[in-house]
Every structure is written in structure tokens, then in C-alpha cells.
């Protein structure tokens, strides 16, 4: 739920009020994520470090289909 007059919304995932510019929802993992986390298509899991390669397989964020989502 959000009020468009503000940049804040209530996140049911995190059970708290969040800043809309710092979080995103990964539809594949079905979880709210911090802006520094991205979804790796190769591993099919989210990984930390928006400018770092995947911590599991070494794939890069620029290769991810979801990288343009945040």
C-alpha cells in the first residue's frame, strides 16, 4: 500500500514502511529485495551486489533480464 504523495509504502514482505527508491520486488523469487540485490538468470536466485558478479556462478548483472527493473 502506498500514498502517491510520498515516496514511502508499506511492505507486506518486510512488515514495515519502506522507501520506494531503495527496494524492489523480485517476481521470480517472490520476495522484497534491497536495491543492491539483483536476480541472476543463470542461478535463478537473487544475489547481493548490483555492480558485482553473482556470488554463486560469476554471471554479471548486465546479463540479467531483470537488471533493467531497478
PDB file of N, CA and C in Angstrom:
ATOM      1  N   UNK A   1       0.840  -1.171   0.000  1.00  0.00           N
ATOM      2  CA  UNK A   1       0.000   0.000   0.000  1.00  0.00           C
ATOM      3  C   UNK A   1       0.886   1.234   0.000  1.00  0.00           C
ATOM      4  N   UNK A   2       0.499   2.228  -0.797  1.00  0.00           N
ATOM      5  CA  UNK A   2       1.294   3.445  -0.820  1.00  0.00           C
ATOM      6  C   UNK A   2       0.411   4.662  -0.999  1.00  0.00           C
ATOM      7  N   UNK A   3       0.963   5.768  -0.614  1.00  0.00           N
ATOM      8  CA  UNK A   3       0.338   7.061  -0.831  1.00  0.00           C
ATOM      9  C   UNK A   3       1.194   7.744  -1.885  1.00  0.00           C
ATOM     10  N   UNK A   4       0.644   8.026  -3.054  1.00  0.00           N
ATOM     11  CA  UNK A   4       1.450   8.558  -4.142  1.00  0.00           C
ATOM     12  C   UNK A   4       2.002   9.944  -3.853  1.00  0.00           C
ATOM     13  N   UNK A   5       1.533  10.598  -2.819  1.00  0.00           N
ATOM     14  CA  UNK A   5       2.060  11.906  -2.440  1.00  0.00           C
ATOM     15  C   UNK A   5       3.412  11.778  -1.736  1.00  0.00           C
ATOM     16  N   UNK A   6       3.783  10.562  -1.342  1.00  0.00           N
ATOM     17  CA  UNK A   6       5.053  10.335  -0.653  1.00  0.00           C
ATOM     18  C   UNK A   6       5.851   9.270  -1.393  1.00  0.00           C
ATOM     19  N   UNK A   7       7.098   9.100  -0.993  1.00  0.00           N
ATOM     20  CA  UNK A   7       7.946   8.058  -1.568  1.00  0.00           C
ATOM     21  C   UNK A   7       8.015   6.838  -0.663  1.00  0.00           C
ATOM     22  N   UNK A   8       7.073   6.716   0.242  1.00  0.00           N
ATOM     23  CA  UNK A   8       7.070   5.601   1.178  1.00  0.00           C
ATOM     24  C   UNK A   8       5.874   4.694   0.924  1.00  0.00           C
ATOM     25  N   UNK A   9       6.023   3.427   1.244  1.00  0.00           N
ATOM     26  CA  UNK A   9       4.935   2.466   1.105  1.00  0.00           C
ATOM     27  C   UNK A   9       5.064   1.426   2.205  1.00  0.00           C
ATOM     28  N   UNK A  10       3.979   0.725   2.469  1.00  0.00           N
ATOM     29  CA  UNK A  10       4.017  -0.350   3.453  1.00  0.00           C
ATOM     30  C   UNK A  10       4.340  -1.649   2.731  1.00  0.00           C
ATOM     31  N   UNK A  11       5.398  -2.313   3.139  1.00  0.00           N
ATOM     32  CA  UNK A  11       5.819  -3.573   2.542  1.00  0.00           C
ATOM     33  C   UNK A  11       5.291  -4.733   3.379  1.00  0.00           C
ATOM     34  N   UNK A  12       4.451  -5.548   2.783  1.00  0.00           N
ATOM     35  CA  UNK A  12       3.961  -6.735   3.478  1.00  0.00           C
ATOM     36  C   UNK A  12       5.066  -7.784   3.596  1.00  0.00           C
ATOM     37  N   UNK A  13       6.041  -7.764   2.683  1.00  0.00           N
ATOM     38  CA  UNK A  13       7.179  -8.690   2.762  1.00  0.00           C
ATOM     39  C   UNK A  13       8.031  -8.402   3.995  1.00  0.00           C
ATOM     40  N   UNK A  14       8.326  -7.123   4.203  1.00  0.00           N
ATOM     41  CA  UNK A  14       9.209  -6.737   5.297  1.00  0.00           C
ATOM     42  C   UNK A  14       8.452  -6.325   6.551  1.00  0.00           C
ATOM     43  N   UNK A  15       7.127  -6.220   6.430  1.00  0.00           N
ATOM     44  CA  UNK A  15       6.267  -5.867   7.554  1.00  0.00           C
ATOM     45  C   UNK A  15       6.651  -4.522   8.175  1.00  0.00           C
ATOM     46  N   UNK A  16       6.978  -3.548   7.286  1.00  0.00           N
ATOM     47  CA  UNK A  16       7.332  -2.214   7.742  1.00  0.00           C
ATOM     48  C   UNK A  16       7.184  -1.197   6.617  1.00  0.00           C
ATOM     49  N   UNK A  17       7.282   0.072   6.963  1.00  0.00           N
ATOM     50  CA  UNK A  17       7.239   1.146   5.974  1.00  0.00           C
ATOM     51  C   UNK A  17       8.607   1.232   5.308  1.00  0.00           C
ATOM     52  N   UNK A  18       8.613   1.323   3.974  1.00  0.00           N
ATOM     53  CA  UNK A  18       9.859   1.329   3.211  1.00  0.00           C
ATOM     54  C   UNK A  18       9.921   2.530   2.277  1.00  0.00           C
ATOM     55  N   UNK A  19      11.116   2.886   1.891  1.00  0.00           N
ATOM     56  CA  UNK A  19      11.365   3.946   0.925  1.00  0.00           C
ATOM     57  C   UNK A  19      11.298   3.332  -0.467  1.00  0.00           C
ATOM     58  N   UNK A  20      10.434   3.853  -1.323  1.00  0.00           N
ATOM     59  CA  UNK A  20      10.212   3.241  -2.638  1.00  0.00           C
ATOM     60  C   UNK A  20      11.443   3.287  -3.531  1.00  0.00           C
ATOM     61  N   UNK A  21      12.389   4.161  -3.267  1.00  0.00           N
ATOM     62  CA  UNK A  21      13.581   4.236  -4.094  1.00  0.00           C
ATOM     63  C   UNK A  21      14.652   3.236  -3.724  1.00  0.00           C
ATOM     64  N   UNK A  22      14.486   2.512  -2.633  1.00  0.00           N
ATOM     65  CA  UNK A  22      15.549   1.632  -2.152  1.00  0.00           C
ATOM     66  C   UNK A  22      15.216   0.150  -2.176  1.00  0.00           C
ATOM     67  N   UNK A  23      14.021  -0.214  -2.550  1.00  0.00           N
ATOM     68  CA  UNK A  23      13.625  -1.618  -2.546  1.00  0.00           C
ATOM     69  C   UNK A  23      12.918  -1.968  -3.845  1.00  0.00           C
ATOM     70  N   UNK A  24      12.875  -3.241  -4.152  1.00  0.00           N
ATOM     71  CA  UNK A  24      12.140  -3.721  -5.318  1.00  0.00           C
ATOM     72  C   UNK A  24      11.639  -5.120  -5.024  1.00  0.00           C
ATOM     73  N   UNK A  25      10.701  -5.589  -5.803  1.00  0.00           N
ATOM     74  CA  UNK A  25      10.105  -6.905  -5.608  1.00  0.00           C
ATOM     75  C   UNK A  25      10.578  -7.831  -6.721  1.00  0.00           C
ATOM     76  N   UNK A  26      11.216  -8.940  -6.366  1.00  0.00           N
ATOM     77  CA  UNK A  26      11.641  -9.932  -7.350  1.00  0.00           C
ATOM     78  C   UNK A  26      10.471 -10.881  -7.584  1.00  0.00           C
ATOM     79  N   UNK A  27       9.891 -10.811  -8.770  1.00  0.00           N
ATOM     80  CA  UNK A  27       8.731 -11.644  -9.099  1.00  0.00           C
ATOM     81  C   UNK A  27       9.105 -13.118  -9.203  1.00  0.00           C
ATOM     82  N   UNK A  28      10.356 -13.414  -9.540  1.00  0.00           N
ATOM     83  CA  UNK A  28      10.796 -14.808  -9.661  1.00  0.00           C
ATOM     84  C   UNK A  28      10.944 -15.434  -8.274  1.00  0.00           C
ATOM     85  N   UNK A  29      11.651 -14.755  -7.383  1.00  0.00           N
ATOM     86  CA  UNK A  29      11.865 -15.262  -6.022  1.00  0.00           C
ATOM     87  C   UNK A  29      10.672 -14.993  -5.108  1.00  0.00           C
ATOM     88  N   UNK A  30       9.804 -14.086  -5.551  1.00  0.00           N
ATOM     89  CA  UNK A  30       8.606 -13.703  -4.805  1.00  0.00           C
ATOM     90  C   UNK A  30       8.959 -13.147  -3.427  1.00  0.00           C
ATOM     91  N   UNK A  31       9.947 -12.214  -3.432  1.00  0.00           N
ATOM     92  CA  UNK A  31      10.393 -11.577  -2.195  1.00  0.00           C
ATOM     93  C   UNK A  31      10.755 -10.122  -2.453  1.00  0.00           C
ATOM     94  N   UNK A  32      10.623  -9.301  -1.431  1.00  0.00           N
ATOM     95  CA  UNK A  32      11.104  -7.926  -1.493  1.00  0.00           C
ATOM     96  C   UNK A  32      12.619  -7.955  -1.317  1.00  0.00           C
ATOM     97  N   UNK A  33      13.300  -7.139  -2.093  1.00  0.00           N
ATOM     98  CA  UNK A  33      14.760  -7.118  -2.054  1.00  0.00           C
ATOM     99  C   UNK A  33      15.274  -5.697  -1.887  1.00  0.00           C
ATOM    100  N   UNK A  34      16.443  -5.583  -1.311  1.00  0.00           N
ATOM    101  CA  UNK A  34      17.150  -4.324  -1.222  1.00  0.00           C
ATOM    102  C   UNK A  34      17.609  -3.932  -2.622  1.00  0.00           C
ATOM    103  N   UNK A  35      17.784  -2.649  -2.877  1.00  0.00           N
ATOM    104  CA  UNK A  35      18.176  -2.185  -4.207  1.00  0.00           C
ATOM    105  C   UNK A  35      19.529  -2.732  -4.648  1.00  0.00           C
ATOM    106  N   UNK A  36      20.358  -3.195  -3.715  1.00  0.00           N
ATOM    107  CA  UNK A  36      21.681  -3.721  -4.071  1.00  0.00           C
ATOM    108  C   UNK A  36      21.643  -5.179  -4.518  1.00  0.00           C
ATOM    109  N   UNK A  37      20.488  -5.793  -4.411  1.00  0.00           N
ATOM    110  CA  UNK A  37      20.330  -7.203  -4.780  1.00  0.00           C
ATOM    111  C   UNK A  37      19.755  -7.291  -6.183  1.00  0.00           C
ATOM    112  N   UNK A  38      20.209  -8.243  -6.967  1.00  0.00           N
ATOM    113  CA  UNK A  38      19.689  -8.449  -8.320  1.00  0.00           C
ATOM    114  C   UNK A  38      19.447  -9.929  -8.559  1.00  0.00           C
ATOM    115  N   UNK A  39      18.595 -10.254  -9.525  1.00  0.00           N
ATOM    116  CA  UNK A  39      18.248 -11.641  -9.812  1.00  0.00           C
ATOM    117  C   UNK A  39      19.147 -12.189 -10.915  1.00  0.00           C
ATOM    118  N   UNK A  40      19.836 -13.275 -10.627  1.00  0.00           N
ATOM    119  CA  UNK A  40      20.713 -13.933 -11.598  1.00  0.00           C
ATOM    120  C   UNK A  40      19.889 -14.961 -12.375  1.00  0.00           C
ATOM    121  N   UNK A  41      19.793 -14.770 -13.680  1.00  0.00           N
ATOM    122  CA  UNK A  41      19.035 -15.701 -14.516  1.00  0.00           C
ATOM    123  C   UNK A  41      19.712 -17.065 -14.618  1.00  0.00           C
ATOM    124  N   UNK A  42      21.033 -17.084 -14.536  1.00  0.00           N
ATOM    125  CA  UNK A  42      21.769 -18.346 -14.645  1.00  0.00           C
ATOM    126  C   UNK A  42      21.525 -19.244 -13.423  1.00  0.00           C
ATOM    127  N   UNK A  43      21.589 -18.665 -12.224  1.00  0.00           N
ATOM    128  CA  UNK A  43      21.358 -19.416 -10.979  1.00  0.00           C
ATOM    129  C   UNK A  43      19.880 -19.472 -10.602  1.00  0.00           C
ATOM    130  N   UNK A  44      19.119 -18.543 -11.147  1.00  0.00           N
ATOM    131  CA  UNK A  44      17.705 -18.381 -10.821  1.00  0.00           C
ATOM    132  C   UNK A  44      17.500 -18.048  -9.344  1.00  0.00           C
ATOM    133  N   UNK A  45      18.439 -17.260  -8.800  1.00  0.00           N
ATOM    134  CA  UNK A  45      18.347 -16.796  -7.417  1.00  0.00           C
ATOM    135  C   UNK A  45      18.840 -15.359  -7.340  1.00  0.00           C
ATOM    136  N   UNK A  46      18.423 -14.653  -6.323  1.00  0.00           N
ATOM    137  CA  UNK A  46      18.888 -13.286  -6.124  1.00  0.00           C
ATOM    138  C   UNK A  46      20.254 -13.305  -5.448  1.00  0.00           C
ATOM    139  N   UNK A  47      21.077 -12.318  -5.785  1.00  0.00           N
ATOM    140  CA  UNK A  47      22.432 -12.235  -5.266  1.00  0.00           C
ATOM    141  C   UNK A  47      22.751 -10.793  -4.889  1.00  0.00           C
ATOM    142  N   UNK A  48      23.604 -10.604  -3.910  1.00  0.00           N
ATOM    143  CA  UNK A  48      23.940  -9.267  -3.415  1.00  0.00           C
ATOM    144  C   UNK A  48      25.011  -8.612  -4.280  1.00  0.00           C
ATOM    145  N   UNK A  49      24.893  -7.308  -4.446  1.00  0.00           N
ATOM    146  CA  UNK A  49      25.925  -6.527  -5.125  1.00  0.00           C
ATOM    147  C   UNK A  49      25.534  -6.148  -6.530  1.00  0.00           C
ATOM    148  N   UNK A  50      24.836  -5.039  -6.686  1.00  0.00           N
ATOM    149  CA  UNK A  50      24.324  -4.657  -8.002  1.00  0.00           C
ATOM    150  C   UNK A  50      25.433  -4.456  -9.030  1.00  0.00           C
ATOM    151  N   UNK A  51      26.646  -4.142  -8.601  1.00  0.00           N
ATOM    152  CA  UNK A  51      27.748  -3.974  -9.550  1.00  0.00           C
ATOM    153  C   UNK A  51      28.737  -5.136  -9.495  1.00  0.00           C
ATOM    154  N   UNK A  52      28.421  -6.161  -8.715  1.00  0.00           N
ATOM    155  CA  UNK A  52      29.303  -7.322  -8.569  1.00  0.00           C
ATOM    156  C   UNK A  52      28.759  -8.510  -9.352  1.00  0.00           C
ATOM    157  N   UNK A  53      29.634  -9.441  -9.753  1.00  0.00           N
ATOM    158  CA  UNK A  53      29.132 -10.669 -10.384  1.00  0.00           C
ATOM    159  C   UNK A  53      28.386 -11.524  -9.363  1.00  0.00           C
ATOM    160  N   UNK A  54      27.605 -12.458  -9.858  1.00  0.00           N
ATOM    161  CA  UNK A  54      26.846 -13.351  -8.991  1.00  0.00           C
ATOM    162  C   UNK A  54      27.790 -14.092  -8.050  1.00  0.00           C
ATOM    163  N   UNK A  55      27.435 -14.128  -6.770  1.00  0.00           N
ATOM    164  CA  UNK A  55      28.277 -14.784  -5.772  1.00  0.00           C
ATOM    165  C   UNK A  55      28.274 -16.304  -5.910  1.00  0.00           C
ATOM    166  N   UNK A  56      27.346 -16.861  -6.686  1.00  0.00           N
ATOM    167  CA  UNK A  56      27.261 -18.309  -6.868  1.00  0.00           C
ATOM    168  C   UNK A  56      27.930 -18.786  -8.156  1.00  0.00           C
ATOM    169  N   UNK A  57      27.665 -18.079  -9.278  1.00  0.00           N
ATOM    170  CA  UNK A  57      28.146 -18.583 -10.570  1.00  0.00           C
ATOM    171  C   UNK A  57      29.073 -17.629 -11.311  1.00  0.00           C
ATOM    172  N   UNK A  58      29.176 -16.378 -10.862  1.00  0.00           N
ATOM    173  CA  UNK A  58      30.052 -15.413 -11.512  1.00  0.00           C
ATOM    174  C   UNK A  58      29.423 -14.674 -12.682  1.00  0.00           C
ATOM    175  N   UNK A  59      28.152 -14.944 -12.979  1.00  0.00           N
ATOM    176  CA  UNK A  59      27.455 -14.243 -14.057  1.00  0.00           C
ATOM    177  C   UNK A  59      27.339 -12.765 -13.684  1.00  0.00           C
ATOM    178  N   UNK A  60      27.205 -11.891 -14.682  1.00  0.00           N
ATOM    179  CA  UNK A  60      27.144 -10.460 -14.390  1.00  0.00           C
ATOM    180  C   UNK A  60      25.724  -9.922 -14.397  1.00  0.00           C
ATOM    181  N   UNK A  61      25.519  -8.836 -13.685  1.00  0.00           N
ATOM    182  CA  UNK A  61      24.219  -8.192 -13.577  1.00  0.00           C
ATOM    183  C   UNK A  61      23.728  -7.715 -14.938  1.00  0.00           C
ATOM    184  N   UNK A  62      24.628  -7.298 -15.821  1.00  0.00           N
ATOM    185  CA  UNK A  62      24.218  -6.789 -17.131  1.00  0.00           C
ATOM    186  C   UNK A  62      23.602  -7.882 -17.997  1.00  0.00           C
ATOM    187  N   UNK A  63      23.868  -9.148 -17.667  1.00  0.00           N
ATOM    188  CA  UNK A  63      23.290 -10.269 -18.413  1.00  0.00           C
ATOM    189  C   UNK A  63      21.884 -10.616 -17.949  1.00  0.00           C
ATOM    190  N   UNK A  64      21.479 -10.101 -16.799  1.00  0.00           N
ATOM    191  CA  UNK A  64      20.184 -10.442 -16.218  1.00  0.00           C
ATOM    192  C   UNK A  64      19.043  -9.732 -16.928  1.00  0.00           C
ATOM    193  N   UNK A  65      17.968 -10.463 -17.188  1.00  0.00           N
ATOM    194  CA  UNK A  65      16.780  -9.881 -17.809  1.00  0.00           C
ATOM    195  C   UNK A  65      16.100  -8.902 -16.870  1.00  0.00           C
ATOM    196  N   UNK A  66      16.239  -9.108 -15.564  1.00  0.00           N
ATOM    197  CA  UNK A  66      15.589  -8.249 -14.582  1.00  0.00           C
ATOM    198  C   UNK A  66      16.447  -7.053 -14.199  1.00  0.00           C
ATOM    199  N   UNK A  67      17.654  -6.934 -14.750  1.00  0.00           N
ATOM    200  CA  UNK A  67      18.545  -5.855 -14.330  1.00  0.00           C
ATOM    201  C   UNK A  67      18.002  -4.481 -14.669  1.00  0.00           C
ATOM    202  N   UNK A  68      17.123  -4.369 -15.654  1.00  0.00           N
ATOM    203  CA  UNK A  68      16.529  -3.082 -16.007  1.00  0.00           C
ATOM    204  C   UNK A  68      15.351  -2.739 -15.113  1.00  0.00           C
ATOM    205  N   UNK A  69      14.949  -3.659 -14.240  1.00  0.00           N
ATOM    206  CA  UNK A  69      13.774  -3.451 -13.397  1.00  0.00           C
ATOM    207  C   UNK A  69      14.032  -2.530 -12.224  1.00  0.00           C
ATOM    208  N   UNK A  70      15.284  -2.301 -11.887  1.00  0.00           N
ATOM    209  CA  UNK A  70      15.570  -1.470 -10.721  1.00  0.00           C
ATOM    210  C   UNK A  70      16.531  -0.384 -11.049  1.00  0.00           C
TER     211      UNK A  70
END
